Amino acid sequence: MSLRTLNILMVALSVAVAASLIRPSPVSAADAARIVEEMVASWPVWLPKPDQCPADLMSARDGSQQYSIESCSADVKQCLERCRAGDAGNCYSAAILTQRIRNSPVSQALFQRACASGFVSGCTNQAAGMESGVDQSCAIRTYEMACDHNDPWACTMIGFHLTRGIGVDKDHDRAKQAFAKSCRFGDDDDACRAAKSLLKEIGN
């Protein structure tokens, strides 16, 4: 797999259910950009700094995985207030929305809050944002745990690492086991398509 393909994988991971995302209107985008700037300048006390490994925050029991980018983009402040009140779906929606506006620690912190509230894809996405470091043990541990919780992108990502031996010993058998859980949302899901591409590389 080329570096370009890996970059595509990582971009796709940051919007784990890309097909369901709805871009905010120009007004909402401007509002969201201003709100993100304000949050960066004056970090809210309720929003944790994204410095903990998602694997250490992942709940033993999954919470609701429902979210709406459309609803969040229609009223960003309300979405953030619901996140502050503990709604994991709104935290995840706000994370993706703010990431699309400006990739900043705010989006990573929102993914972390979603993760800690039981939204497994929030853990996966936060781990993806930590991939650039030299030590990838946290990301790999998170992908493994999130895959155990049946998060398709987590399974694709740990499968990728196992396929290429990046940050972990190469193990094609384990990679295939992970990829087998990447198509939970169907063959057209990006996580599934990426997994199938990697399976072709190692021979399925």
N, C-alpha and C. Protein backbone atom coordinates (compact mmCIF):
# COMPACT_ATOMS: atom_id res chain seq x y z
N MET A 1 0.85 -1.19 0.00
CA MET A 1 0.00 0.00 0.00
C MET A 1 0.88 1.24 0.00
N SER A 2 0.55 2.19 -0.85
CA SER A 2 1.35 3.41 -0.95
C SER A 2 1.04 4.36 0.18
N LEU A 3 1.94 5.35 0.38
CA LEU A 3 1.69 6.38 1.39
C LEU A 3 0.42 7.14 1.06
N ARG A 4 0.17 7.36 -0.23
CA ARG A 4 -1.05 8.06 -0.64
C ARG A 4 -2.28 7.28 -0.20
N THR A 5 -2.25 5.94 -0.35
CA THR A 5 -3.39 5.13 0.07
C THR A 5 -3.58 5.20 1.57
N LEU A 6 -2.47 5.18 2.33
CA LEU A 6 -2.58 5.32 3.78
C LEU A 6 -3.20 6.65 4.15
N ASN A 7 -2.78 7.72 3.46
CA ASN A 7 -3.36 9.03 3.74
C ASN A 7 -4.86 9.04 3.48
N ILE A 8 -5.27 8.36 2.40
CA ILE A 8 -6.70 8.27 2.10
C ILE A 8 -7.43 7.53 3.20
N LEU A 9 -6.81 6.45 3.69
CA LEU A 9 -7.40 5.70 4.80
C LEU A 9 -7.59 6.57 6.02
N MET A 10 -6.56 7.38 6.34
CA MET A 10 -6.62 8.20 7.54
C MET A 10 -7.65 9.31 7.40
N VAL A 11 -7.75 9.90 6.20
CA VAL A 11 -8.76 10.94 5.98
C VAL A 11 -10.14 10.34 6.11
N ALA A 12 -10.32 9.16 5.52
CA ALA A 12 -11.62 8.51 5.60
C ALA A 12 -11.97 8.16 7.04
N LEU A 13 -10.98 7.74 7.81
CA LEU A 13 -11.20 7.39 9.20
C LEU A 13 -11.69 8.57 10.01
N SER A 14 -11.19 9.76 9.69
CA SER A 14 -11.57 10.94 10.47
C SER A 14 -13.03 11.30 10.27
N VAL A 15 -13.65 10.77 9.22
CA VAL A 15 -15.09 10.93 9.00
C VAL A 15 -15.66 9.54 8.81
N ALA A 16 -15.70 8.78 9.88
CA ALA A 16 -15.90 7.35 9.83
C ALA A 16 -17.14 6.88 9.07
N VAL A 17 -18.17 7.68 9.04
CA VAL A 17 -19.35 7.31 8.28
C VAL A 17 -19.58 8.40 7.25
N ALA A 18 -18.63 8.58 6.37
CA ALA A 18 -18.59 9.72 5.46
C ALA A 18 -19.85 9.84 4.62
N ALA A 19 -20.43 8.73 4.24
CA ALA A 19 -21.59 8.78 3.35
C ALA A 19 -22.79 9.45 4.01
N SER A 20 -22.82 9.47 5.34
CA SER A 20 -23.98 10.04 6.03
C SER A 20 -23.76 11.48 6.46
N LEU A 21 -22.58 12.03 6.18
CA LEU A 21 -22.30 13.39 6.62
C LEU A 21 -22.97 14.41 5.71
N ILE A 22 -23.47 15.46 6.28
CA ILE A 22 -24.08 16.55 5.53
C ILE A 22 -23.31 17.81 5.82
N ARG A 23 -22.80 18.44 4.80
CA ARG A 23 -22.01 19.64 5.02
C ARG A 23 -22.90 20.77 5.56
N PRO A 24 -22.39 21.55 6.51
CA PRO A 24 -23.17 22.67 7.03
C PRO A 24 -23.31 23.74 5.98
N SER A 25 -24.36 24.54 6.11
CA SER A 25 -24.55 25.66 5.20
C SER A 25 -23.45 26.68 5.45
N PRO A 26 -23.21 27.62 4.51
CA PRO A 26 -22.16 28.63 4.72
C PRO A 26 -22.31 29.39 6.03
N VAL A 27 -23.57 29.71 6.38
CA VAL A 27 -23.78 30.43 7.64
C VAL A 27 -23.36 29.57 8.82
N SER A 28 -23.78 28.30 8.82
CA SER A 28 -23.42 27.40 9.91
C SER A 28 -21.92 27.18 9.97
N ALA A 29 -21.29 27.09 8.79
CA ALA A 29 -19.85 26.91 8.75
C ALA A 29 -19.13 28.10 9.37
N ALA A 30 -19.60 29.30 9.06
CA ALA A 30 -18.99 30.50 9.62
C ALA A 30 -19.19 30.54 11.13
N ASP A 31 -20.39 30.18 11.57
CA ASP A 31 -20.67 30.16 13.00
C ASP A 31 -19.79 29.12 13.70
N ALA A 32 -19.68 27.96 13.09
CA ALA A 32 -18.88 26.89 13.68
C ALA A 32 -17.42 27.30 13.77
N ALA A 33 -16.91 27.94 12.73
CA ALA A 33 -15.52 28.38 12.72
C ALA A 33 -15.27 29.38 13.85
N ARG A 34 -16.19 30.29 14.04
CA ARG A 34 -16.05 31.29 15.11
C ARG A 34 -16.09 30.61 16.48
N ILE A 35 -17.00 29.66 16.65
CA ILE A 35 -17.12 28.97 17.93
C ILE A 35 -15.85 28.17 18.24
N VAL A 36 -15.30 27.52 17.21
CA VAL A 36 -14.06 26.76 17.40
C VAL A 36 -12.93 27.68 17.82
N GLU A 37 -12.84 28.82 17.17
CA GLU A 37 -11.80 29.79 17.53
C GLU A 37 -11.94 30.23 18.98
N GLU A 38 -13.18 30.48 19.40
CA GLU A 38 -13.43 30.90 20.77
C GLU A 38 -13.05 29.79 21.76
N MET A 39 -13.34 28.54 21.40
CA MET A 39 -13.03 27.42 22.28
C MET A 39 -11.53 27.21 22.40
N VAL A 40 -10.81 27.40 21.29
CA VAL A 40 -9.36 27.27 21.33
C VAL A 40 -8.74 28.37 22.19
N ALA A 41 -9.27 29.59 22.04
CA ALA A 41 -8.74 30.73 22.78
C ALA A 41 -9.03 30.64 24.26
N SER A 42 -10.21 30.14 24.60
CA SER A 42 -10.61 30.04 26.00
C SER A 42 -11.20 28.66 26.23
N TRP A 43 -10.35 27.72 26.55
CA TRP A 43 -10.74 26.31 26.62
C TRP A 43 -11.83 26.10 27.69
N PRO A 44 -12.98 25.54 27.29
CA PRO A 44 -14.07 25.32 28.26
C PRO A 44 -13.65 24.36 29.37
N VAL A 45 -14.07 24.63 30.58
CA VAL A 45 -13.66 23.79 31.71
C VAL A 45 -14.25 22.39 31.60
N TRP A 46 -15.37 22.25 30.88
CA TRP A 46 -16.02 20.93 30.78
C TRP A 46 -15.37 20.04 29.72
N LEU A 47 -14.51 20.63 28.89
CA LEU A 47 -13.93 19.87 27.78
C LEU A 47 -12.52 19.41 28.17
N PRO A 48 -12.30 18.09 28.24
CA PRO A 48 -10.97 17.60 28.67
C PRO A 48 -9.92 17.85 27.60
N LYS A 49 -8.69 18.05 28.01
CA LYS A 49 -7.60 18.11 27.06
C LYS A 49 -7.40 16.70 26.47
N PRO A 50 -7.22 16.61 25.16
CA PRO A 50 -7.14 15.29 24.51
C PRO A 50 -5.78 14.63 24.67
N ASP A 51 -5.39 14.37 25.91
CA ASP A 51 -4.07 13.82 26.15
C ASP A 51 -4.09 12.42 26.76
N GLN A 52 -5.28 11.87 26.92
CA GLN A 52 -5.38 10.51 27.44
C GLN A 52 -5.54 9.52 26.30
N CYS A 53 -5.02 8.34 26.48
CA CYS A 53 -5.19 7.30 25.47
C CYS A 53 -6.65 6.85 25.46
N PRO A 54 -7.30 6.85 24.29
CA PRO A 54 -8.71 6.45 24.23
C PRO A 54 -8.95 5.05 24.80
N ALA A 55 -7.98 4.17 24.66
CA ALA A 55 -8.15 2.81 25.20
C ALA A 55 -8.38 2.83 26.70
N ASP A 56 -7.83 3.83 27.38
CA ASP A 56 -7.98 3.93 28.83
C ASP A 56 -9.30 4.57 29.23
N LEU A 57 -10.02 5.12 28.25
CA LEU A 57 -11.29 5.79 28.51
C LEU A 57 -12.48 4.98 28.04
N MET A 58 -12.22 3.98 27.21
CA MET A 58 -13.30 3.23 26.59
C MET A 58 -14.13 2.51 27.64
N SER A 59 -15.43 2.70 27.54
CA SER A 59 -16.34 2.07 28.48
C SER A 59 -16.46 0.58 28.21
N ALA A 60 -16.66 -0.19 29.26
CA ALA A 60 -16.85 -1.64 29.10
C ALA A 60 -18.17 -1.92 28.39
N ARG A 61 -19.10 -0.98 28.50
CA ARG A 61 -20.39 -1.14 27.82
C ARG A 61 -20.57 0.01 26.84
N ASP A 62 -21.02 -0.32 25.66
CA ASP A 62 -21.21 0.70 24.63
C ASP A 62 -22.45 1.54 24.93
N GLY A 63 -22.33 2.84 24.66
CA GLY A 63 -23.48 3.71 24.77
C GLY A 63 -24.19 3.80 23.42
N SER A 64 -25.14 4.69 23.33
CA SER A 64 -25.84 4.89 22.06
C SER A 64 -24.87 5.38 20.99
N GLN A 65 -25.00 4.84 19.78
CA GLN A 65 -24.13 5.22 18.67
C GLN A 65 -24.86 6.11 17.68
N GLN A 66 -25.97 6.70 18.09
CA GLN A 66 -26.74 7.56 17.21
C GLN A 66 -26.22 8.99 17.25
N TYR A 67 -26.15 9.62 16.08
CA TYR A 67 -25.69 11.00 16.00
C TYR A 67 -26.24 11.62 14.73
N SER A 68 -26.18 12.95 14.65
CA SER A 68 -26.70 13.66 13.49
C SER A 68 -25.85 14.89 13.20
N ILE A 69 -25.09 14.82 12.12
CA ILE A 69 -24.29 15.97 11.70
C ILE A 69 -25.21 17.11 11.28
N GLU A 70 -26.32 16.75 10.62
CA GLU A 70 -27.26 17.78 10.15
C GLU A 70 -27.81 18.59 11.31
N SER A 71 -28.24 17.90 12.36
CA SER A 71 -28.79 18.58 13.53
C SER A 71 -27.74 19.44 14.21
N CYS A 72 -26.53 18.92 14.31
CA CYS A 72 -25.45 19.66 14.98
C CYS A 72 -25.08 20.91 14.19
N SER A 73 -25.02 20.78 12.86
CA SER A 73 -24.64 21.93 12.04
C SER A 73 -25.73 23.00 12.04
N ALA A 74 -26.97 22.58 12.29
CA ALA A 74 -28.07 23.55 12.33
C ALA A 74 -28.01 24.42 13.57
N ASP A 75 -27.48 23.90 14.66
CA ASP A 75 -27.36 24.67 15.90
C ASP A 75 -26.14 24.17 16.67
N VAL A 76 -24.99 24.72 16.34
CA VAL A 76 -23.73 24.25 16.91
C VAL A 76 -23.69 24.45 18.42
N LYS A 77 -24.16 25.59 18.89
CA LYS A 77 -24.12 25.87 20.33
C LYS A 77 -24.96 24.86 21.10
N GLN A 78 -26.16 24.56 20.59
CA GLN A 78 -27.02 23.59 21.26
C GLN A 78 -26.37 22.20 21.25
N CYS A 79 -25.76 21.87 20.13
CA CYS A 79 -25.06 20.59 20.02
C CYS A 79 -23.98 20.48 21.08
N LEU A 80 -23.20 21.54 21.26
CA LEU A 80 -22.13 21.55 22.26
C LEU A 80 -22.69 21.50 23.68
N GLU A 81 -23.81 22.16 23.90
CA GLU A 81 -24.44 22.12 25.22
C GLU A 81 -24.90 20.71 25.55
N ARG A 82 -25.44 20.02 24.55
CA ARG A 82 -25.87 18.64 24.78
C ARG A 82 -24.67 17.73 25.04
N CYS A 83 -23.59 18.03 24.35
CA CYS A 83 -22.36 17.29 24.59
C CYS A 83 -21.89 17.53 26.03
N ARG A 84 -21.93 18.78 26.42
CA ARG A 84 -21.51 19.15 27.79
C ARG A 84 -22.36 18.42 28.82
N ALA A 85 -23.64 18.20 28.49
CA ALA A 85 -24.55 17.51 29.42
C ALA A 85 -24.35 16.00 29.41
N GLY A 86 -23.48 15.52 28.52
CA GLY A 86 -23.17 14.10 28.53
C GLY A 86 -23.72 13.29 27.38
N ASP A 87 -24.26 13.95 26.35
CA ASP A 87 -24.79 13.23 25.20
C ASP A 87 -23.65 12.87 24.25
N ALA A 88 -23.29 11.60 24.20
CA ALA A 88 -22.14 11.15 23.42
C ALA A 88 -22.33 11.38 21.93
N GLY A 89 -23.57 11.20 21.43
CA GLY A 89 -23.84 11.40 20.02
C GLY A 89 -23.60 12.83 19.58
N ASN A 90 -23.98 13.78 20.42
CA ASN A 90 -23.73 15.18 20.11
C ASN A 90 -22.25 15.51 20.20
N CYS A 91 -21.53 14.88 21.11
CA CYS A 91 -20.08 15.08 21.18
C CYS A 91 -19.42 14.59 19.89
N TYR A 92 -19.85 13.44 19.41
CA TYR A 92 -19.28 12.87 18.20
C TYR A 92 -19.63 13.74 16.99
N SER A 93 -20.88 14.18 16.91
CA SER A 93 -21.31 15.05 15.82
C SER A 93 -20.51 16.35 15.82
N ALA A 94 -20.35 16.94 17.00
CA ALA A 94 -19.61 18.20 17.12
C ALA A 94 -18.14 17.99 16.75
N ALA A 95 -17.59 16.84 17.11
CA ALA A 95 -16.20 16.55 16.78
C ALA A 95 -15.98 16.51 15.27
N ILE A 96 -16.86 15.81 14.57
CA ILE A 96 -16.72 15.72 13.12
C ILE A 96 -16.95 17.08 12.48
N LEU A 97 -17.96 17.80 12.96
CA LEU A 97 -18.28 19.11 12.39
C LEU A 97 -17.12 20.07 12.58
N THR A 98 -16.58 20.15 13.78
CA THR A 98 -15.47 21.08 14.03
C THR A 98 -14.21 20.65 13.28
N GLN A 99 -14.04 19.35 13.11
CA GLN A 99 -12.88 18.86 12.36
C GLN A 99 -12.97 19.27 10.89
N ARG A 100 -14.17 19.28 10.36
CA ARG A 100 -14.36 19.69 8.96
C ARG A 100 -14.10 21.19 8.80
N ILE A 101 -14.39 21.94 9.85
CA ILE A 101 -14.17 23.38 9.80
C ILE A 101 -12.69 23.69 10.00
N ARG A 102 -12.12 23.09 11.04
CA ARG A 102 -10.71 23.30 11.35
C ARG A 102 -10.22 22.17 12.23
N ASN A 103 -9.24 21.43 11.75
CA ASN A 103 -8.70 20.32 12.53
C ASN A 103 -7.86 20.90 13.67
N SER A 104 -8.38 20.80 14.88
CA SER A 104 -7.73 21.41 16.02
C SER A 104 -7.87 20.50 17.23
N PRO A 105 -7.21 20.82 18.33
CA PRO A 105 -7.37 20.02 19.55
C PRO A 105 -8.82 19.95 20.02
N VAL A 106 -9.65 20.91 19.62
CA VAL A 106 -11.06 20.89 20.03
C VAL A 106 -11.75 19.65 19.50
N SER A 107 -11.56 19.35 18.22
CA SER A 107 -12.22 18.17 17.66
C SER A 107 -11.71 16.90 18.34
N GLN A 108 -10.41 16.83 18.62
CA GLN A 108 -9.86 15.67 19.29
C GLN A 108 -10.43 15.53 20.71
N ALA A 109 -10.60 16.67 21.38
CA ALA A 109 -11.17 16.65 22.73
C ALA A 109 -12.63 16.19 22.71
N LEU A 110 -13.35 16.60 21.67
CA LEU A 110 -14.76 16.18 21.55
C LEU A 110 -14.85 14.68 21.24
N PHE A 111 -13.94 14.18 20.40
CA PHE A 111 -13.89 12.74 20.18
C PHE A 111 -13.60 12.01 21.48
N GLN A 112 -12.69 12.59 22.29
CA GLN A 112 -12.35 11.97 23.57
C GLN A 112 -13.55 11.92 24.50
N ARG A 113 -14.31 13.01 24.53
CA ARG A 113 -15.49 13.05 25.41
C ARG A 113 -16.53 12.04 24.94
N ALA A 114 -16.69 11.93 23.61
CA ALA A 114 -17.61 10.93 23.06
C ALA A 114 -17.16 9.53 23.44
N CYS A 115 -15.86 9.30 23.33
CA CYS A 115 -15.28 8.00 23.67
C CYS A 115 -15.56 7.64 25.12
N ALA A 116 -15.29 8.58 26.02
CA ALA A 116 -15.47 8.33 27.45
C ALA A 116 -16.94 8.11 27.81
N SER A 117 -17.84 8.60 26.93
CA SER A 117 -19.28 8.44 27.18
C SER A 117 -19.84 7.19 26.52
N GLY A 118 -18.99 6.37 25.92
CA GLY A 118 -19.44 5.11 25.37
C GLY A 118 -19.63 5.06 23.87
N PHE A 119 -19.24 6.15 23.17
CA PHE A 119 -19.37 6.18 21.71
C PHE A 119 -18.06 5.66 21.13
N VAL A 120 -18.04 4.39 20.74
CA VAL A 120 -16.80 3.71 20.40
C VAL A 120 -16.08 4.37 19.22
N SER A 121 -16.83 4.83 18.23
CA SER A 121 -16.19 5.47 17.08
C SER A 121 -15.43 6.73 17.49
N GLY A 122 -15.85 7.36 18.57
CA GLY A 122 -15.10 8.50 19.09
C GLY A 122 -13.70 8.08 19.52
N CYS A 123 -13.60 6.89 20.12
CA CYS A 123 -12.29 6.36 20.53
C CYS A 123 -11.42 6.11 19.31
N THR A 124 -12.01 5.50 18.28
CA THR A 124 -11.28 5.18 17.06
C THR A 124 -10.76 6.45 16.40
N ASN A 125 -11.63 7.44 16.29
CA ASN A 125 -11.23 8.68 15.63
C ASN A 125 -10.17 9.44 16.41
N GLN A 126 -10.28 9.44 17.74
CA GLN A 126 -9.25 10.10 18.53
C GLN A 126 -7.91 9.39 18.34
N ALA A 127 -7.94 8.06 18.31
CA ALA A 127 -6.71 7.29 18.11
C ALA A 127 -6.09 7.61 16.76
N ALA A 128 -6.91 7.80 15.75
CA ALA A 128 -6.40 8.13 14.42
C ALA A 128 -5.65 9.45 14.45
N GLY A 129 -6.12 10.38 15.28
CA GLY A 129 -5.46 11.67 15.39
C GLY A 129 -4.13 11.59 16.12
N MET A 130 -3.86 10.45 16.77
CA MET A 130 -2.61 10.27 17.51
C MET A 130 -1.61 9.43 16.73
N GLU A 131 -1.95 9.07 15.50
CA GLU A 131 -1.12 8.18 14.69
C GLU A 131 0.21 8.80 14.28
N SER A 132 0.30 10.12 14.26
CA SER A 132 1.51 10.76 13.74
C SER A 132 2.71 10.63 14.68
N GLY A 133 2.47 10.27 15.92
CA GLY A 133 3.56 10.14 16.87
C GLY A 133 4.44 8.93 16.59
N VAL A 134 5.63 8.95 17.15
CA VAL A 134 6.56 7.83 16.97
C VAL A 134 6.03 6.58 17.65
N ASP A 135 5.48 6.74 18.86
CA ASP A 135 4.94 5.62 19.62
C ASP A 135 3.47 5.44 19.23
N GLN A 136 3.18 4.36 18.54
CA GLN A 136 1.82 4.11 18.08
C GLN A 136 1.10 3.09 18.95
N SER A 137 1.68 2.76 20.10
CA SER A 137 1.10 1.72 20.94
C SER A 137 -0.29 2.09 21.42
N CYS A 138 -0.53 3.36 21.73
CA CYS A 138 -1.85 3.78 22.19
C CYS A 138 -2.89 3.59 21.09
N ALA A 139 -2.58 4.06 19.88
CA ALA A 139 -3.52 3.93 18.78
C ALA A 139 -3.83 2.47 18.50
N ILE A 140 -2.82 1.64 18.47
CA ILE A 140 -3.00 0.21 18.19
C ILE A 140 -3.85 -0.45 19.27
N ARG A 141 -3.56 -0.13 20.52
CA ARG A 141 -4.34 -0.69 21.63
C ARG A 141 -5.80 -0.26 21.55
N THR A 142 -6.00 0.99 21.14
CA THR A 142 -7.37 1.51 21.00
C THR A 142 -8.10 0.82 19.87
N TYR A 143 -7.44 0.67 18.72
CA TYR A 143 -8.07 -0.02 17.59
C TYR A 143 -8.47 -1.44 17.98
N GLU A 144 -7.58 -2.13 18.69
CA GLU A 144 -7.88 -3.51 19.09
C GLU A 144 -9.11 -3.57 19.98
N MET A 145 -9.18 -2.67 20.96
CA MET A 145 -10.31 -2.67 21.88
C MET A 145 -11.60 -2.26 21.17
N ALA A 146 -11.50 -1.23 20.30
CA ALA A 146 -12.68 -0.75 19.60
C ALA A 146 -13.18 -1.79 18.60
N CYS A 147 -12.26 -2.54 18.00
CA CYS A 147 -12.65 -3.63 17.11
C CYS A 147 -13.39 -4.72 17.89
N ASP A 148 -12.93 -4.97 19.11
CA ASP A 148 -13.63 -5.93 19.97
C ASP A 148 -15.05 -5.46 20.26
N HIS A 149 -15.25 -4.13 20.19
CA HIS A 149 -16.59 -3.55 20.37
C HIS A 149 -17.31 -3.41 19.02
N ASN A 150 -16.75 -4.02 17.98
CA ASN A 150 -17.38 -4.08 16.66
C ASN A 150 -17.44 -2.75 15.92
N ASP A 151 -16.46 -1.89 16.14
CA ASP A 151 -16.39 -0.65 15.37
C ASP A 151 -15.66 -0.96 14.05
N PRO A 152 -16.35 -0.83 12.89
CA PRO A 152 -15.76 -1.25 11.62
C PRO A 152 -14.43 -0.58 11.28
N TRP A 153 -14.33 0.75 11.49
CA TRP A 153 -13.09 1.42 11.14
C TRP A 153 -11.94 1.00 12.05
N ALA A 154 -12.25 0.72 13.30
CA ALA A 154 -11.20 0.23 14.20
C ALA A 154 -10.66 -1.10 13.71
N CYS A 155 -11.55 -1.97 13.23
CA CYS A 155 -11.13 -3.27 12.72
C CYS A 155 -10.29 -3.10 11.46
N THR A 156 -10.68 -2.17 10.60
CA THR A 156 -9.89 -1.93 9.39
C THR A 156 -8.52 -1.39 9.75
N MET A 157 -8.46 -0.49 10.72
CA MET A 157 -7.17 0.12 11.07
C MET A 157 -6.22 -0.85 11.77
N ILE A 158 -6.76 -1.67 12.70
CA ILE A 158 -5.85 -2.63 13.33
C ILE A 158 -5.44 -3.68 12.30
N GLY A 159 -6.36 -4.00 11.39
CA GLY A 159 -6.01 -4.93 10.32
C GLY A 159 -4.92 -4.38 9.42
N PHE A 160 -4.98 -3.07 9.16
CA PHE A 160 -3.94 -2.43 8.36
C PHE A 160 -2.58 -2.54 9.04
N HIS A 161 -2.54 -2.23 10.33
CA HIS A 161 -1.28 -2.29 11.07
C HIS A 161 -0.73 -3.72 11.09
N LEU A 162 -1.60 -4.69 11.25
CA LEU A 162 -1.18 -6.08 11.27
C LEU A 162 -0.72 -6.54 9.89
N THR A 163 -1.36 -6.01 8.87
CA THR A 163 -0.98 -6.37 7.49
C THR A 163 0.42 -5.88 7.15
N ARG A 164 0.71 -4.66 7.56
CA ARG A 164 1.98 -4.04 7.19
C ARG A 164 3.06 -4.15 8.26
N GLY A 165 2.68 -4.61 9.45
CA GLY A 165 3.66 -4.70 10.53
C GLY A 165 4.10 -3.34 11.02
N ILE A 166 3.18 -2.38 11.06
CA ILE A 166 3.48 -1.03 11.50
C ILE A 166 3.10 -0.88 12.98
N GLY A 167 4.10 -0.75 13.83
CA GLY A 167 3.85 -0.59 15.25
C GLY A 167 3.45 -1.87 15.96
N VAL A 168 3.40 -2.96 15.21
CA VAL A 168 3.00 -4.25 15.76
C VAL A 168 3.58 -5.32 14.84
N ASP A 169 3.78 -6.53 15.37
CA ASP A 169 4.29 -7.60 14.53
C ASP A 169 3.32 -7.92 13.40
N LYS A 170 3.85 -8.16 12.22
CA LYS A 170 3.01 -8.50 11.08
C LYS A 170 2.32 -9.85 11.36
N ASP A 171 1.01 -9.87 11.14
CA ASP A 171 0.24 -11.10 11.39
C ASP A 171 -0.97 -11.09 10.47
N HIS A 172 -0.86 -11.73 9.33
CA HIS A 172 -1.94 -11.71 8.34
C HIS A 172 -3.17 -12.48 8.80
N ASP A 173 -3.00 -13.50 9.61
CA ASP A 173 -4.15 -14.24 10.11
C ASP A 173 -5.00 -13.36 11.02
N ARG A 174 -4.35 -12.66 11.92
CA ARG A 174 -5.09 -11.74 12.80
C ARG A 174 -5.70 -10.60 12.01
N ALA A 175 -4.99 -10.14 10.99
CA ALA A 175 -5.52 -9.06 10.15
C ALA A 175 -6.82 -9.51 9.48
N LYS A 176 -6.83 -10.72 8.96
CA LYS A 176 -8.04 -11.24 8.31
C LYS A 176 -9.19 -11.35 9.29
N GLN A 177 -8.88 -11.73 10.53
CA GLN A 177 -9.93 -11.82 11.55
C GLN A 177 -10.53 -10.44 11.83
N ALA A 178 -9.68 -9.43 11.84
CA ALA A 178 -10.17 -8.06 12.06
C ALA A 178 -10.99 -7.59 10.87
N PHE A 179 -10.49 -7.82 9.66
CA PHE A 179 -11.20 -7.38 8.46
C PHE A 179 -12.58 -8.03 8.34
N ALA A 180 -12.73 -9.22 8.91
CA ALA A 180 -14.01 -9.91 8.86
C ALA A 180 -15.11 -9.13 9.59
N LYS A 181 -14.69 -8.17 10.44
CA LYS A 181 -15.66 -7.37 11.19
C LYS A 181 -15.77 -5.94 10.64
N SER A 182 -15.13 -5.69 9.50
CA SER A 182 -15.09 -4.33 8.95
C SER A 182 -16.33 -3.98 8.12
N CYS A 183 -17.15 -4.97 7.79
CA CYS A 183 -18.27 -4.73 6.88
C CYS A 183 -19.62 -4.76 7.60
N ARG A 184 -19.60 -4.38 8.85
CA ARG A 184 -20.82 -4.36 9.67
C ARG A 184 -21.92 -3.53 9.03
N PHE A 185 -21.54 -2.44 8.36
CA PHE A 185 -22.53 -1.55 7.75
C PHE A 185 -22.67 -1.76 6.25
N GLY A 186 -22.20 -2.89 5.76
CA GLY A 186 -22.41 -3.23 4.36
C GLY A 186 -21.18 -3.04 3.50
N ASP A 187 -21.26 -3.62 2.30
CA ASP A 187 -20.12 -3.61 1.39
C ASP A 187 -19.77 -2.22 0.87
N ASP A 188 -20.73 -1.29 0.88
CA ASP A 188 -20.47 0.05 0.35
C ASP A 188 -19.85 0.99 1.38
N ASP A 189 -19.77 0.54 2.63
CA ASP A 189 -19.18 1.38 3.67
C ASP A 189 -17.68 1.54 3.42
N ASP A 190 -17.15 2.72 3.65
CA ASP A 190 -15.74 2.99 3.38
C ASP A 190 -14.82 2.05 4.16
N ALA A 191 -15.17 1.73 5.38
CA ALA A 191 -14.33 0.83 6.18
C ALA A 191 -14.25 -0.55 5.53
N CYS A 192 -15.38 -0.99 5.00
CA CYS A 192 -15.43 -2.29 4.33
C CYS A 192 -14.61 -2.28 3.05
N ARG A 193 -14.76 -1.22 2.26
CA ARG A 193 -14.01 -1.14 1.00
C ARG A 193 -12.50 -1.11 1.26
N ALA A 194 -12.09 -0.38 2.29
CA ALA A 194 -10.66 -0.32 2.61
C ALA A 194 -10.16 -1.69 3.07
N ALA A 195 -10.97 -2.38 3.86
CA ALA A 195 -10.59 -3.71 4.34
C ALA A 195 -10.43 -4.68 3.18
N LYS A 196 -11.36 -4.61 2.23
CA LYS A 196 -11.30 -5.52 1.07
C LYS A 196 -10.06 -5.23 0.22
N SER A 197 -9.69 -3.96 0.12
CA SER A 197 -8.49 -3.60 -0.62
C SER A 197 -7.25 -4.19 0.04
N LEU A 198 -7.22 -4.14 1.36
CA LEU A 198 -6.08 -4.69 2.10
C LEU A 198 -6.07 -6.21 2.03
N LEU A 199 -7.24 -6.83 2.01
CA LEU A 199 -7.31 -8.28 1.88
C LEU A 199 -6.72 -8.75 0.56
N LYS A 200 -6.95 -7.98 -0.49
CA LYS A 200 -6.38 -8.31 -1.79
C LYS A 200 -4.85 -8.27 -1.74
N GLU A 201 -4.35 -7.35 -0.92
CA GLU A 201 -2.89 -7.21 -0.80
C GLU A 201 -2.26 -8.45 -0.17
N ILE A 202 -2.94 -9.01 0.83
CA ILE A 202 -2.35 -10.15 1.53
C ILE A 202 -2.86 -11.49 0.99
N GLY A 203 -3.89 -11.42 0.14
CA GLY A 203 -4.43 -12.65 -0.42
C GLY A 203 -5.48 -13.24 0.51
N ASN A 204 -6.72 -13.24 0.04
CA ASN A 204 -7.81 -13.71 0.91
C ASN A 204 -8.33 -15.07 0.45
